[in-house]
Amino acid sequence: MIYSFRNDYSSICHKKVMDKLIESMKEQNIGYGEDYHSDNAKKLIIEKLGHDADIYFLVGGTQANTTVISAVLRPYEAVIAVESGHINVHETGAVEGQGHKVITIKGQDGKVLIHEMQHILDTHMKTHMALPKMVYISQSTEVGTVYSLEELKEIYEFCQKNSLYLFLDGARLASGMAASGITFSDLGKYTDVFYIGGTKNGGYLGEAVVFNNKEIAKNFDYAQKHYGALMAKGFVASIPFEVLMQGNLYLEIGKKENECASYLAEGLKKLGYKFYSNSITNQIFPIVPKELFFVLEERYGVELWEKLESEFYAIRFVTSFTTTQENCQEVLDFLKKYQCN
């Protein structure tokens, strides 16, 4: 069977997560996140943060983004994000569907820029325009880049100075942390709210929303229920984090994903391919001739990222917790033969 590089959630979950789920099958648990598993997972996360926080378990990234933003912002308040941000491009208008404008800035390498955010604030017309109140970033970004600790600090300080909340999307946080060196403790210090992705990082589902700013977490459980994000079987969403937060497993998953992506990227560079972005995480974006994309799409499930000039496409390979170096080498061997034909 040829390995698929379409995404990082094609496989059910890490074996240790599945073992834990099977171990829990004969249990009976209290519903709606008031169970032992949820309490234990929260305890493990708080230990990594190094301080107390309000934590909630939701199903997936889009649900987490929409519920957090809708719960924190008032109806007339808006969120700032880069044009390529997930909430702007890949969530079917979910945030704006709840009445919150997404104010976009161009950014650079998928990351927000301070001067562009300042321009938004400077040109805001009181009363007549949606009020900027939150900054949305992701780690890693949609194009595989990461924020350094210094960049994260700078953005957080800008938000603090301008009475903005900083929200970090951690759908691919394991990969982002492994690439950037940013720790859970750092995220606890330099964000108001973030989430730890489980779905794309070895869990079968689940995102752990962490409110460092407890003031904005007030009544979040009501918002969670209101937006259909409160599971009766809440323990199903928290069990993966009981495992992923043990020791260094979460970071090890991200490191393995990044190492496989780096191996593939280096091999593609040796074959002469250029790249759309300078990704150092588990998403890489080689530029290939249009006809080659269709071959790779059928064989490896890669996705089109952007149509470029002169019949070239930027495409995306994604590595996951199941990817091996051998899977990557198979791609490189295939391309060598393809180039020789």
C-alpha atoms as a PDB file:
ATOM      1  CA  MET A   1       0.000   0.000   0.000  1.00  0.00           C
ATOM      2  CA  ILE A   2       1.408   3.413  -1.005  1.00  0.00           C
ATOM      3  CA  TYR A   3       1.532   5.923   1.854  1.00  0.00           C
ATOM      4  CA  SER A   4      -0.664   9.026   1.694  1.00  0.00           C
ATOM      5  CA  PHE A   5       0.783  12.481   2.394  1.00  0.00           C
ATOM      6  CA  ARG A   6      -2.593  14.235   2.149  1.00  0.00           C
ATOM      7  CA  ASN A   7      -2.821  15.257   5.811  1.00  0.00           C
ATOM      8  CA  ASP A   8      -1.751  14.445   9.375  1.00  0.00           C
ATOM      9  CA  TYR A   9      -5.056  12.987  10.557  1.00  0.00           C
ATOM     10  CA  SER A  10      -5.529  10.114   8.102  1.00  0.00           C
ATOM     11  CA  SER A  11      -4.547   7.481  10.696  1.00  0.00           C
ATOM     12  CA  ILE A  12      -6.777   6.826  13.700  1.00  0.00           C
ATOM     13  CA  CYS A  13      -4.354   7.601  16.519  1.00  0.00           C
ATOM     14  CA  HIS A  14      -1.055   6.800  18.198  1.00  0.00           C
ATOM     15  CA  LYS A  15      -0.922   3.223  19.545  1.00  0.00           C
ATOM     16  CA  LYS A  16      -0.575   4.434  23.139  1.00  0.00           C
ATOM     17  CA  VAL A  17      -3.741   6.512  22.750  1.00  0.00           C
ATOM     18  CA  MET A  18      -5.638   3.540  21.338  1.00  0.00           C
ATOM     19  CA  ASP A  19      -4.398   1.327  24.181  1.00  0.00           C
ATOM     20  CA  LYS A  20      -5.750   3.846  26.687  1.00  0.00           C
ATOM     21  CA  LEU A  21      -9.109   4.020  24.928  1.00  0.00           C
ATOM     22  CA  ILE A  22      -9.425   0.226  24.886  1.00  0.00           C
ATOM     23  CA  GLU A  23      -8.441   0.103  28.551  1.00  0.00           C
ATOM     24  CA  SER A  24     -11.297   2.513  29.301  1.00  0.00           C
ATOM     25  CA  MET A  25     -13.959   0.693  27.285  1.00  0.00           C
ATOM     26  CA  LYS A  26     -15.596  -1.091  30.240  1.00  0.00           C
ATOM     27  CA  GLU A  27     -15.769   2.034  32.387  1.00  0.00           C
ATOM     28  CA  GLN A  28     -18.807   4.160  33.076  1.00  0.00           C
ATOM     29  CA  ASN A  29     -18.029   7.858  33.350  1.00  0.00           C
ATOM     30  CA  ILE A  30     -19.845  11.027  34.351  1.00  0.00           C
ATOM     31  CA  GLY A  31     -20.814  13.106  31.312  1.00  0.00           C
ATOM     32  CA  TYR A  32     -20.010  16.568  29.997  1.00  0.00           C
ATOM     33  CA  GLY A  33     -16.358  16.671  31.048  1.00  0.00           C
ATOM     34  CA  GLU A  34     -16.973  16.127  34.752  1.00  0.00           C
ATOM     35  CA  ASP A  35     -15.163  12.775  34.720  1.00  0.00           C
ATOM     36  CA  TYR A  36     -11.859  11.446  36.025  1.00  0.00           C
ATOM     37  CA  HIS A  37     -10.173  11.415  32.607  1.00  0.00           C
ATOM     38  CA  SER A  38     -10.905  15.088  32.015  1.00  0.00           C
ATOM     39  CA  ASP A  39      -9.670  16.018  35.487  1.00  0.00           C
ATOM     40  CA  ASN A  40      -6.503  13.999  35.023  1.00  0.00           C
ATOM     41  CA  ALA A  41      -5.781  15.445  31.573  1.00  0.00           C
ATOM     42  CA  LYS A  42      -6.239  18.979  32.920  1.00  0.00           C
ATOM     43  CA  LYS A  43      -3.841  18.205  35.772  1.00  0.00           C
ATOM     44  CA  LEU A  44      -1.175  16.997  33.341  1.00  0.00           C
ATOM     45  CA  ILE A  45      -1.544  20.092  31.146  1.00  0.00           C
ATOM     46  CA  ILE A  46      -1.365  22.436  34.138  1.00  0.00           C
ATOM     47  CA  GLU A  47       1.838  20.705  35.270  1.00  0.00           C
ATOM     48  CA  LYS A  48       3.408  21.483  31.899  1.00  0.00           C
ATOM     49  CA  LEU A  49       2.173  25.080  31.965  1.00  0.00           C
ATOM     50  CA  GLY A  50       3.552  25.705  35.430  1.00  0.00           C
ATOM     51  CA  HIS A  51       0.481  27.687  36.500  1.00  0.00           C
ATOM     52  CA  ASP A  52      -3.254  27.234  36.917  1.00  0.00           C
ATOM     53  CA  ALA A  53      -5.499  27.667  33.882  1.00  0.00           C
ATOM     54  CA  ASP A  54      -9.070  26.979  32.777  1.00  0.00           C
ATOM     55  CA  ILE A  55      -9.105  24.057  30.329  1.00  0.00           C
ATOM     56  CA  TYR A  56     -11.873  22.707  28.092  1.00  0.00           C
ATOM     57  CA  PHE A  57     -11.873  19.778  25.668  1.00  0.00           C
ATOM     58  CA  LEU A  58     -13.492  20.233  22.254  1.00  0.00           C
ATOM     59  CA  VAL A  59     -13.661  17.984  19.212  1.00  0.00           C
ATOM     60  CA  GLY A  60     -11.731  19.772  16.446  1.00  0.00           C
ATOM     61  CA  GLY A  61      -9.886  22.878  15.350  1.00  0.00           C
ATOM     62  CA  THR A  62     -12.635  24.757  13.516  1.00  0.00           C
ATOM     63  CA  GLN A  63     -15.002  24.130  16.416  1.00  0.00           C
ATOM     64  CA  ALA A  64     -12.363  25.359  18.888  1.00  0.00           C
ATOM     65  CA  ASN A  65     -11.596  28.501  16.878  1.00  0.00           C
ATOM     66  CA  THR A  66     -15.227  29.445  16.370  1.00  0.00           C
ATOM     67  CA  THR A  67     -16.306  28.725  19.938  1.00  0.00           C
ATOM     68  CA  VAL A  68     -13.404  30.578  21.549  1.00  0.00           C
ATOM     69  CA  ILE A  69     -13.706  33.659  19.342  1.00  0.00           C
ATOM     70  CA  SER A  70     -17.491  33.790  19.613  1.00  0.00           C
ATOM     71  CA  ALA A  71     -17.394  33.361  23.392  1.00  0.00           C
ATOM     72  CA  VAL A  72     -14.665  35.927  24.064  1.00  0.00           C
ATOM     73  CA  LEU A  73     -15.705  38.729  21.704  1.00  0.00           C
ATOM     74  CA  ARG A  74     -18.760  40.943  21.894  1.00  0.00           C
ATOM     75  CA  PRO A  75     -20.929  41.135  18.761  1.00  0.00           C
ATOM     76  CA  TYR A  76     -19.271  44.326  17.498  1.00  0.00           C
ATOM     77  CA  GLU A  77     -15.695  43.126  18.105  1.00  0.00           C
ATOM     78  CA  ALA A  78     -13.359  41.731  15.454  1.00  0.00           C
ATOM     79  CA  VAL A  79     -10.315  39.481  15.200  1.00  0.00           C
ATOM     80  CA  ILE A  80      -7.114  40.287  13.265  1.00  0.00           C
ATOM     81  CA  ALA A  81      -5.501  37.471  11.265  1.00  0.00           C
ATOM     82  CA  VAL A  82      -3.191  37.033   8.293  1.00  0.00           C
ATOM     83  CA  GLU A  83      -4.840  36.475   4.912  1.00  0.00           C
ATOM     84  CA  SER A  84      -3.762  32.817   4.908  1.00  0.00           C
ATOM     85  CA  GLY A  85      -5.073  32.226   8.444  1.00  0.00           C
ATOM     86  CA  HIS A  86      -7.212  29.153   8.928  1.00  0.00           C
ATOM     87  CA  ILE A  87     -10.165  31.159  10.275  1.00  0.00           C
ATOM     88  CA  ASN A  88     -10.107  33.289   7.117  1.00  0.00           C
ATOM     89  CA  VAL A  89      -9.604  30.612   4.456  1.00  0.00           C
ATOM     90  CA  HIS A  90     -10.483  27.110   5.612  1.00  0.00           C
ATOM     91  CA  GLU A  91     -13.433  27.392   7.974  1.00  0.00           C
ATOM     92  CA  THR A  92     -16.297  28.212   5.602  1.00  0.00           C
ATOM     93  CA  GLY A  93     -16.828  31.626   7.172  1.00  0.00           C
ATOM     94  CA  ALA A  94     -17.618  30.072  10.565  1.00  0.00           C
ATOM     95  CA  VAL A  95     -16.281  32.988  12.625  1.00  0.00           C
ATOM     96  CA  GLU A  96     -17.967  35.644  10.496  1.00  0.00           C
ATOM     97  CA  GLY A  97     -21.099  33.497  10.445  1.00  0.00           C
ATOM     98  CA  GLN A  98     -21.286  34.122  14.204  1.00  0.00           C
ATOM     99  CA  GLY A  99     -21.089  37.875  13.610  1.00  0.00           C
ATOM    100  CA  HIS A 100     -17.394  38.592  14.162  1.00  0.00           C
ATOM    101  CA  LYS A 101     -15.482  40.236  11.342  1.00  0.00           C
ATOM    102  CA  VAL A 102     -12.088  38.776  10.470  1.00  0.00           C
ATOM    103  CA  ILE A 103      -9.815  41.726   9.654  1.00  0.00           C
ATOM    104  CA  THR A 104      -7.025  40.438   7.454  1.00  0.00           C
ATOM    105  CA  ILE A 105      -3.478  41.654   7.037  1.00  0.00           C
ATOM    106  CA  LYS A 106      -0.950  40.442   4.482  1.00  0.00           C
ATOM    107  CA  GLY A 107       1.667  39.272   6.966  1.00  0.00           C
ATOM    108  CA  GLN A 108       4.931  37.619   5.983  1.00  0.00           C
ATOM    109  CA  ASP A 109       5.640  33.884   5.686  1.00  0.00           C
ATOM    110  CA  GLY A 110       2.195  33.205   7.162  1.00  0.00           C
ATOM    111  CA  LYS A 111       2.920  35.322  10.261  1.00  0.00           C
ATOM    112  CA  VAL A 112       1.412  38.570  11.497  1.00  0.00           C
ATOM    113  CA  LEU A 113       3.485  41.755  11.391  1.00  0.00           C
ATOM    114  CA  ILE A 114       3.332  44.353  14.156  1.00  0.00           C
ATOM    115  CA  HIS A 115       3.310  47.379  11.851  1.00  0.00           C
ATOM    116  CA  GLU A 116       0.376  45.987   9.840  1.00  0.00           C
ATOM    117  CA  MET A 117      -1.627  45.373  12.996  1.00  0.00           C
ATOM    118  CA  GLN A 118      -0.777  48.876  14.185  1.00  0.00           C
ATOM    119  CA  HIS A 119      -2.087  50.241  10.878  1.00  0.00           C
ATOM    120  CA  ILE A 120      -5.410  48.479  11.498  1.00  0.00           C
ATOM    121  CA  LEU A 121      -5.666  50.113  14.911  1.00  0.00           C
ATOM    122  CA  ASP A 122      -4.625  53.526  13.584  1.00  0.00           C
ATOM    123  CA  THR A 123      -7.237  53.503  10.820  1.00  0.00           C
ATOM    124  CA  HIS A 124     -10.087  52.150  12.921  1.00  0.00           C
ATOM    125  CA  MET A 125     -12.996  54.587  12.849  1.00  0.00           C
ATOM    126  CA  LYS A 126     -14.684  54.589  16.228  1.00  0.00           C
ATOM    127  CA  THR A 127     -18.304  53.363  16.268  1.00  0.00           C
ATOM    128  CA  HIS A 128     -18.498  52.987  12.487  1.00  0.00           C
ATOM    129  CA  MET A 129     -16.175  50.011  12.106  1.00  0.00           C
ATOM    130  CA  ALA A 130     -15.892  46.657  13.882  1.00  0.00           C
ATOM    131  CA  LEU A 131     -13.648  47.085  16.928  1.00  0.00           C
ATOM    132  CA  PRO A 132     -10.384  45.078  16.752  1.00  0.00           C
ATOM    133  CA  LYS A 133     -10.167  43.122  20.004  1.00  0.00           C
ATOM    134  CA  MET A 134      -8.265  39.899  19.294  1.00  0.00           C
ATOM    135  CA  VAL A 135      -5.214  38.759  17.350  1.00  0.00           C
ATOM    136  CA  TYR A 136      -5.302  35.227  15.938  1.00  0.00           C
ATOM    137  CA  ILE A 137      -2.072  33.374  15.123  1.00  0.00           C
ATOM    138  CA  SER A 138      -1.229  29.709  14.614  1.00  0.00           C
ATOM    139  CA  GLN A 139       1.796  27.610  15.518  1.00  0.00           C
ATOM    140  CA  SER A 140       2.739  26.278  13.043  1.00  0.00           C
ATOM    141  CA  THR A 141       1.297  28.583  10.391  1.00  0.00           C
ATOM    142  CA  GLU A 142      -0.679  27.520   7.347  1.00  0.00           C
ATOM    143  CA  VAL A 143       2.529  27.538   5.290  1.00  0.00           C
ATOM    144  CA  GLY A 144       4.593  25.579   7.806  1.00  0.00           C
ATOM    145  CA  THR A 145       6.555  28.444   9.332  1.00  0.00           C
ATOM    146  CA  VAL A 146       6.803  29.102  13.071  1.00  0.00           C
ATOM    147  CA  TYR A 147       6.956  32.006  15.475  1.00  0.00           C
ATOM    148  CA  SER A 148      10.129  32.223  17.550  1.00  0.00           C
ATOM    149  CA  LEU A 149       9.867  32.883  21.266  1.00  0.00           C
ATOM    150  CA  GLU A 150      10.982  36.482  20.714  1.00  0.00           C
ATOM    151  CA  GLU A 151       8.322  36.994  18.039  1.00  0.00           C
ATOM    152  CA  LEU A 152       5.649  35.536  20.313  1.00  0.00           C
ATOM    153  CA  LYS A 153       6.726  37.824  23.163  1.00  0.00           C
ATOM    154  CA  GLU A 154       6.674  40.859  20.876  1.00  0.00           C
ATOM    155  CA  ILE A 155       3.165  40.089  19.630  1.00  0.00           C
ATOM    156  CA  TYR A 156       1.885  39.438  23.150  1.00  0.00           C
ATOM    157  CA  GLU A 157       3.373  42.704  24.413  1.00  0.00           C
ATOM    158  CA  PHE A 158       1.775  44.545  21.481  1.00  0.00           C
ATOM    159  CA  CYS A 159      -1.583  42.987  22.367  1.00  0.00           C
ATOM    160  CA  GLN A 160      -1.217  43.870  26.031  1.00  0.00           C
ATOM    161  CA  LYS A 161      -0.327  47.458  25.176  1.00  0.00           C
ATOM    162  CA  ASN A 162      -3.357  47.801  22.892  1.00  0.00           C
ATOM    163  CA  SER A 163      -5.946  45.901  24.962  1.00  0.00           C
ATOM    164  CA  LEU A 164      -6.107  43.015  22.491  1.00  0.00           C
ATOM    165  CA  TYR A 165      -6.437  39.330  23.356  1.00  0.00           C
ATOM    166  CA  LEU A 166      -3.870  36.971  21.819  1.00  0.00           C
ATOM    167  CA  PHE A 167      -5.315  33.631  20.669  1.00  0.00           C
ATOM    168  CA  LEU A 168      -2.985  30.919  19.350  1.00  0.00           C
ATOM    169  CA  ASP A 169      -4.345  28.108  17.185  1.00  0.00           C
ATOM    170  CA  GLY A 170      -2.425  24.953  18.087  1.00  0.00           C
ATOM    171  CA  ALA A 171      -3.928  22.500  15.626  1.00  0.00           C
ATOM    172  CA  ARG A 172      -0.354  21.466  14.694  1.00  0.00           C
ATOM    173  CA  LEU A 173       1.229  22.510  17.965  1.00  0.00           C
ATOM    174  CA  ALA A 174       3.425  19.422  18.417  1.00  0.00           C
ATOM    175  CA  SER A 175       5.188  20.121  15.138  1.00  0.00           C
ATOM    176  CA  GLY A 176       5.299  23.854  15.879  1.00  0.00           C
ATOM    177  CA  MET A 177       6.786  23.383  19.336  1.00  0.00           C
ATOM    178  CA  ALA A 178       9.403  20.922  18.120  1.00  0.00           C
ATOM    179  CA  ALA A 179      10.493  23.329  15.376  1.00  0.00           C
ATOM    180  CA  SER A 180      10.461  26.542  17.415  1.00  0.00           C
ATOM    181  CA  GLY A 181      11.629  25.432  20.843  1.00  0.00           C
ATOM    182  CA  ILE A 182       8.670  27.236  22.429  1.00  0.00           C
ATOM    183  CA  THR A 183       7.451  25.349  25.505  1.00  0.00           C
ATOM    184  CA  PHE A 184       4.085  24.940  27.195  1.00  0.00           C
ATOM    185  CA  SER A 185       5.375  27.285  29.877  1.00  0.00           C
ATOM    186  CA  ASP A 186       6.079  29.932  27.217  1.00  0.00           C
ATOM    187  CA  LEU A 187       2.590  29.545  25.790  1.00  0.00           C
ATOM    188  CA  GLY A 188       1.209  29.912  29.289  1.00  0.00           C
ATOM    189  CA  LYS A 189       3.028  33.218  29.713  1.00  0.00           C
ATOM    190  CA  TYR A 190       2.601  34.817  26.302  1.00  0.00           C
ATOM    191  CA  THR A 191      -0.955  34.062  25.169  1.00  0.00           C
ATOM    192  CA  ASP A 192      -4.381  34.802  26.609  1.00  0.00           C
ATOM    193  CA  VAL A 193      -5.785  31.579  25.217  1.00  0.00           C
ATOM    194  CA  PHE A 194      -4.420  28.788  23.043  1.00  0.00           C
ATOM    195  CA  TYR A 195      -5.254  25.213  22.273  1.00  0.00           C
ATOM    196  CA  ILE A 196      -3.277  22.001  22.184  1.00  0.00           C
ATOM    197  CA  GLY A 197      -4.127  20.059  19.051  1.00  0.00           C
ATOM    198  CA  GLY A 198      -4.882  16.382  19.504  1.00  0.00           C
ATOM    199  CA  THR A 199      -6.548  15.537  16.189  1.00  0.00           C
ATOM    200  CA  LYS A 200      -3.443  16.221  14.071  1.00  0.00           C
ATOM    201  CA  ASN A 201      -0.910  15.169  16.695  1.00  0.00           C
ATOM    202  CA  GLY A 202      -1.607  11.532  17.498  1.00  0.00           C
ATOM    203  CA  GLY A 203      -5.094  11.723  18.986  1.00  0.00           C
ATOM    204  CA  TYR A 204      -8.205  10.271  17.345  1.00  0.00           C
ATOM    205  CA  LEU A 205      -9.852  13.657  17.994  1.00  0.00           C
ATOM    206  CA  GLY A 206      -9.735  16.462  20.517  1.00  0.00           C
ATOM    207  CA  GLU A 207      -8.391  19.959  21.106  1.00  0.00           C
ATOM    208  CA  ALA A 208      -7.570  21.173  24.622  1.00  0.00           C
ATOM    209  CA  VAL A 209      -8.470  24.863  24.920  1.00  0.00           C
ATOM    210  CA  VAL A 210      -6.313  26.540  27.566  1.00  0.00           C
ATOM    211  CA  PHE A 211      -7.336  29.910  29.024  1.00  0.00           C
ATOM    212  CA  ASN A 212      -4.368  31.583  30.710  1.00  0.00           C
ATOM    213  CA  ASN A 213      -6.489  34.722  31.028  1.00  0.00           C
ATOM    214  CA  LYS A 214      -9.213  33.452  33.329  1.00  0.00           C
ATOM    215  CA  GLU A 215     -11.186  36.662  33.024  1.00  0.00           C
ATOM    216  CA  ILE A 216     -12.156  35.860  29.440  1.00  0.00           C
ATOM    217  CA  ALA A 217     -12.886  32.238  30.336  1.00  0.00           C
ATOM    218  CA  LYS A 218     -15.900  33.165  32.465  1.00  0.00           C
ATOM    219  CA  ASN A 219     -18.975  31.182  31.414  1.00  0.00           C
ATOM    220  CA  PHE A 220     -17.104  29.479  28.574  1.00  0.00           C
ATOM    221  CA  ASP A 221     -18.901  26.256  29.477  1.00  0.00           C
ATOM    222  CA  TYR A 222     -22.176  27.990  28.587  1.00  0.00           C
ATOM    223  CA  ALA A 223     -20.737  29.047  25.214  1.00  0.00           C
ATOM    224  CA  GLN A 224     -19.442  25.528  24.687  1.00  0.00           C
ATOM    225  CA  LYS A 225     -22.940  24.141  25.145  1.00  0.00           C
ATOM    226  CA  HIS A 226     -24.553  26.955  23.129  1.00  0.00           C
ATOM    227  CA  TYR A 227     -22.357  26.281  20.097  1.00  0.00           C
ATOM    228  CA  GLY A 228     -22.774  22.502  20.240  1.00  0.00           C
ATOM    229  CA  ALA A 229     -19.227  21.913  21.447  1.00  0.00           C
ATOM    230  CA  LEU A 230     -20.031  20.291  24.806  1.00  0.00           C
ATOM    231  CA  MET A 231     -19.950  16.509  24.403  1.00  0.00           C
ATOM    232  CA  ALA A 232     -22.111  14.265  26.553  1.00  0.00           C
ATOM    233  CA  LYS A 233     -19.223  11.780  26.396  1.00  0.00           C
ATOM    234  CA  GLY A 234     -16.703  14.473  27.277  1.00  0.00           C
ATOM    235  CA  PHE A 235     -14.184  11.863  28.397  1.00  0.00           C
ATOM    236  CA  VAL A 236     -13.807  10.772  24.767  1.00  0.00           C
ATOM    237  CA  ALA A 237     -12.180  14.125  23.968  1.00  0.00           C
ATOM    238  CA  SER A 238      -9.939  14.170  27.055  1.00  0.00           C
ATOM    239  CA  ILE A 239      -8.583  10.597  27.048  1.00  0.00           C
ATOM    240  CA  PRO A 240      -6.072  11.327  24.234  1.00  0.00           C
ATOM    241  CA  PHE A 241      -4.521  14.100  26.340  1.00  0.00           C
ATOM    242  CA  GLU A 242      -4.030  11.778  29.297  1.00  0.00           C
ATOM    243  CA  VAL A 243      -1.609   9.952  27.024  1.00  0.00           C
ATOM    244  CA  LEU A 244      -0.160  12.735  24.872  1.00  0.00           C
ATOM    245  CA  MET A 245       0.746  14.818  27.938  1.00  0.00           C
ATOM    246  CA  GLN A 246       2.660  11.968  29.574  1.00  0.00           C
ATOM    247  CA  GLY A 247       6.417  12.615  29.583  1.00  0.00           C
ATOM    248  CA  ASN A 248       7.628  14.042  26.260  1.00  0.00           C
ATOM    249  CA  LEU A 249       5.362  12.021  23.954  1.00  0.00           C
ATOM    250  CA  TYR A 250       3.622  15.053  22.441  1.00  0.00           C
ATOM    251  CA  LEU A 251       6.911  16.744  21.592  1.00  0.00           C
ATOM    252  CA  GLU A 252       8.407  13.486  20.331  1.00  0.00           C
ATOM    253  CA  ILE A 253       5.504  13.132  17.878  1.00  0.00           C
ATOM    254  CA  GLY A 254       6.154  16.639  16.556  1.00  0.00           C
ATOM    255  CA  LYS A 255       9.890  16.012  16.294  1.00  0.00           C
ATOM    256  CA  LYS A 256       9.351  12.780  14.333  1.00  0.00           C
ATOM    257  CA  GLU A 257       6.929  14.504  11.945  1.00  0.00           C
ATOM    258  CA  ASN A 258       9.405  17.324  11.341  1.00  0.00           C
ATOM    259  CA  GLU A 259      12.345  14.982  10.805  1.00  0.00           C
ATOM    260  CA  CYS A 260      10.437  13.060   8.128  1.00  0.00           C
ATOM    261  CA  ALA A 261       9.331  16.292   6.416  1.00  0.00           C
ATOM    262  CA  SER A 262      12.919  17.594   6.502  1.00  0.00           C
ATOM    263  CA  TYR A 263      14.219  14.344   5.003  1.00  0.00           C
ATOM    264  CA  LEU A 264      11.702  14.585   2.177  1.00  0.00           C
ATOM    265  CA  ALA A 265      12.390  18.282   1.599  1.00  0.00           C
ATOM    266  CA  GLU A 266      16.158  17.795   1.422  1.00  0.00           C
ATOM    267  CA  GLY A 267      15.699  14.967  -1.057  1.00  0.00           C
ATOM    268  CA  LEU A 268      13.417  17.121  -3.222  1.00  0.00           C
ATOM    269  CA  LYS A 269      15.952  19.954  -3.172  1.00  0.00           C
ATOM    270  CA  LYS A 270      18.659  17.568  -4.404  1.00  0.00           C
ATOM    271  CA  LEU A 271      16.340  16.642  -7.266  1.00  0.00           C
ATOM    272  CA  GLY A 272      16.125  20.328  -8.197  1.00  0.00           C
ATOM    273  CA  TYR A 273      12.719  21.288  -6.814  1.00  0.00           C
ATOM    274  CA  LYS A 274      12.136  24.741  -5.326  1.00  0.00           C
ATOM    275  CA  PHE A 275       9.717  25.556  -2.515  1.00  0.00           C
ATOM    276  CA  TYR A 276       6.770  27.886  -1.962  1.00  0.00           C
ATOM    277  CA  SER A 277       7.677  28.579   1.689  1.00  0.00           C
ATOM    278  CA  ASN A 278      10.557  28.048   4.088  1.00  0.00           C
ATOM    279  CA  SER A 279       8.708  25.495   6.179  1.00  0.00           C
ATOM    280  CA  ILE A 280      10.598  23.742   8.970  1.00  0.00           C
ATOM    281  CA  THR A 281       7.591  21.795  10.230  1.00  0.00           C
ATOM    282  CA  ASN A 282       5.561  18.833   8.997  1.00  0.00           C
ATOM    283  CA  GLN A 283       4.048  20.606   5.974  1.00  0.00           C
ATOM    284  CA  ILE A 284       6.269  21.202   2.948  1.00  0.00           C
ATOM    285  CA  PHE A 285       5.317  22.935  -0.298  1.00  0.00           C
ATOM    286  CA  PRO A 286       7.410  21.974  -3.335  1.00  0.00           C
ATOM    287  CA  ILE A 287       6.775  23.642  -6.695  1.00  0.00           C
ATOM    288  CA  VAL A 288       6.201  21.150  -9.501  1.00  0.00           C
ATOM    289  CA  PRO A 289       5.020  21.183 -13.121  1.00  0.00           C
ATOM    290  CA  LYS A 290       1.252  20.994 -13.456  1.00  0.00           C
ATOM    291  CA  GLU A 291       1.286  17.539 -15.036  1.00  0.00           C
ATOM    292  CA  LEU A 292       3.434  16.130 -12.216  1.00  0.00           C
ATOM    293  CA  PHE A 293       0.959  17.359  -9.600  1.00  0.00           C
ATOM    294  CA  PHE A 294      -1.794  15.166 -11.046  1.00  0.00           C
ATOM    295  CA  VAL A 295       0.530  12.151 -10.941  1.00  0.00           C
ATOM    296  CA  LEU A 296       1.500  12.821  -7.318  1.00  0.00           C
ATOM    297  CA  GLU A 297      -2.081  13.572  -6.333  1.00  0.00           C
ATOM    298  CA  GLU A 298      -3.266  10.197  -7.577  1.00  0.00           C
ATOM    299  CA  ARG A 299      -0.317   8.280  -6.142  1.00  0.00           C
ATOM    300  CA  TYR A 300       0.344  10.012  -2.811  1.00  0.00           C
ATOM    301  CA  GLY A 301      -2.771  12.090  -2.132  1.00  0.00           C
ATOM    302  CA  VAL A 302      -0.892  15.408  -2.145  1.00  0.00           C
ATOM    303  CA  GLU A 303      -2.997  18.555  -2.373  1.00  0.00           C
ATOM    304  CA  LEU A 304      -2.812  21.600  -4.602  1.00  0.00           C
ATOM    305  CA  TRP A 305      -1.852  24.641  -2.562  1.00  0.00           C
ATOM    306  CA  GLU A 306      -1.623  27.381  -5.191  1.00  0.00           C
ATOM    307  CA  LYS A 307      -1.548  27.654  -8.968  1.00  0.00           C
ATOM    308  CA  LEU A 308       1.507  29.639  -9.992  1.00  0.00           C
ATOM    309  CA  GLU A 309       2.557  31.224 -13.253  1.00  0.00           C
ATOM    310  CA  SER A 310       3.975  29.250 -16.183  1.00  0.00           C
ATOM    311  CA  GLU A 311       2.048  26.043 -15.545  1.00  0.00           C
ATOM    312  CA  PHE A 312       3.643  25.337 -12.167  1.00  0.00           C
ATOM    313  CA  TYR A 313       1.805  24.390  -8.993  1.00  0.00           C
ATOM    314  CA  ALA A 314       2.759  24.714  -5.333  1.00  0.00           C
ATOM    315  CA  ILE A 315       1.660  21.460  -3.723  1.00  0.00           C
ATOM    316  CA  ARG A 316       1.585  20.202  -0.154  1.00  0.00           C
ATOM    317  CA  PHE A 317       3.069  17.105   1.442  1.00  0.00           C
ATOM    318  CA  VAL A 318       2.131  16.519   5.102  1.00  0.00           C
ATOM    319  CA  THR A 319       3.916  14.075   7.407  1.00  0.00           C
ATOM    320  CA  SER A 320       2.266  12.602  10.504  1.00  0.00           C
ATOM    321  CA  PHE A 321       2.985  10.438  13.540  1.00  0.00           C
ATOM    322  CA  THR A 322       2.797   7.368  11.271  1.00  0.00           C
ATOM    323  CA  THR A 323       5.172   8.626   8.553  1.00  0.00           C
ATOM    324  CA  THR A 324       8.518   6.884   8.238  1.00  0.00           C
ATOM    325  CA  GLN A 325      11.742   7.779   6.450  1.00  0.00           C
ATOM    326  CA  GLU A 326      11.060   4.829   4.165  1.00  0.00           C
ATOM    327  CA  ASN A 327       7.731   6.390   3.119  1.00  0.00           C
ATOM    328  CA  CYS A 328       9.592   9.579   2.177  1.00  0.00           C
ATOM    329  CA  GLN A 329      12.321   7.708   0.342  1.00  0.00           C
ATOM    330  CA  GLU A 330       9.686   5.921  -1.758  1.00  0.00           C
ATOM    331  CA  VAL A 331       8.509   9.319  -3.017  1.00  0.00           C
ATOM    332  CA  LEU A 332      12.058  10.383  -3.854  1.00  0.00           C
ATOM    333  CA  ASP A 333      12.784   7.107  -5.672  1.00  0.00           C
ATOM    334  CA  PHE A 334       9.580   7.491  -7.680  1.00  0.00           C
ATOM    335  CA  LEU A 335      10.485  11.062  -8.689  1.00  0.00           C
ATOM    336  CA  LYS A 336      13.964  10.019  -9.769  1.00  0.00           C
ATOM    337  CA  LYS A 337      12.440   7.441 -12.116  1.00  0.00           C
ATOM    338  CA  TYR A 338       9.820   9.948 -13.276  1.00  0.00           C
ATOM    339  CA  GLN A 339      12.486  12.491 -14.205  1.00  0.00           C
ATOM    340  CA  CYS A 340      14.376   9.865 -16.186  1.00  0.00           C
ATOM    341  CA  ASN A 341      11.350   8.979 -18.327  1.00  0.00           C
END
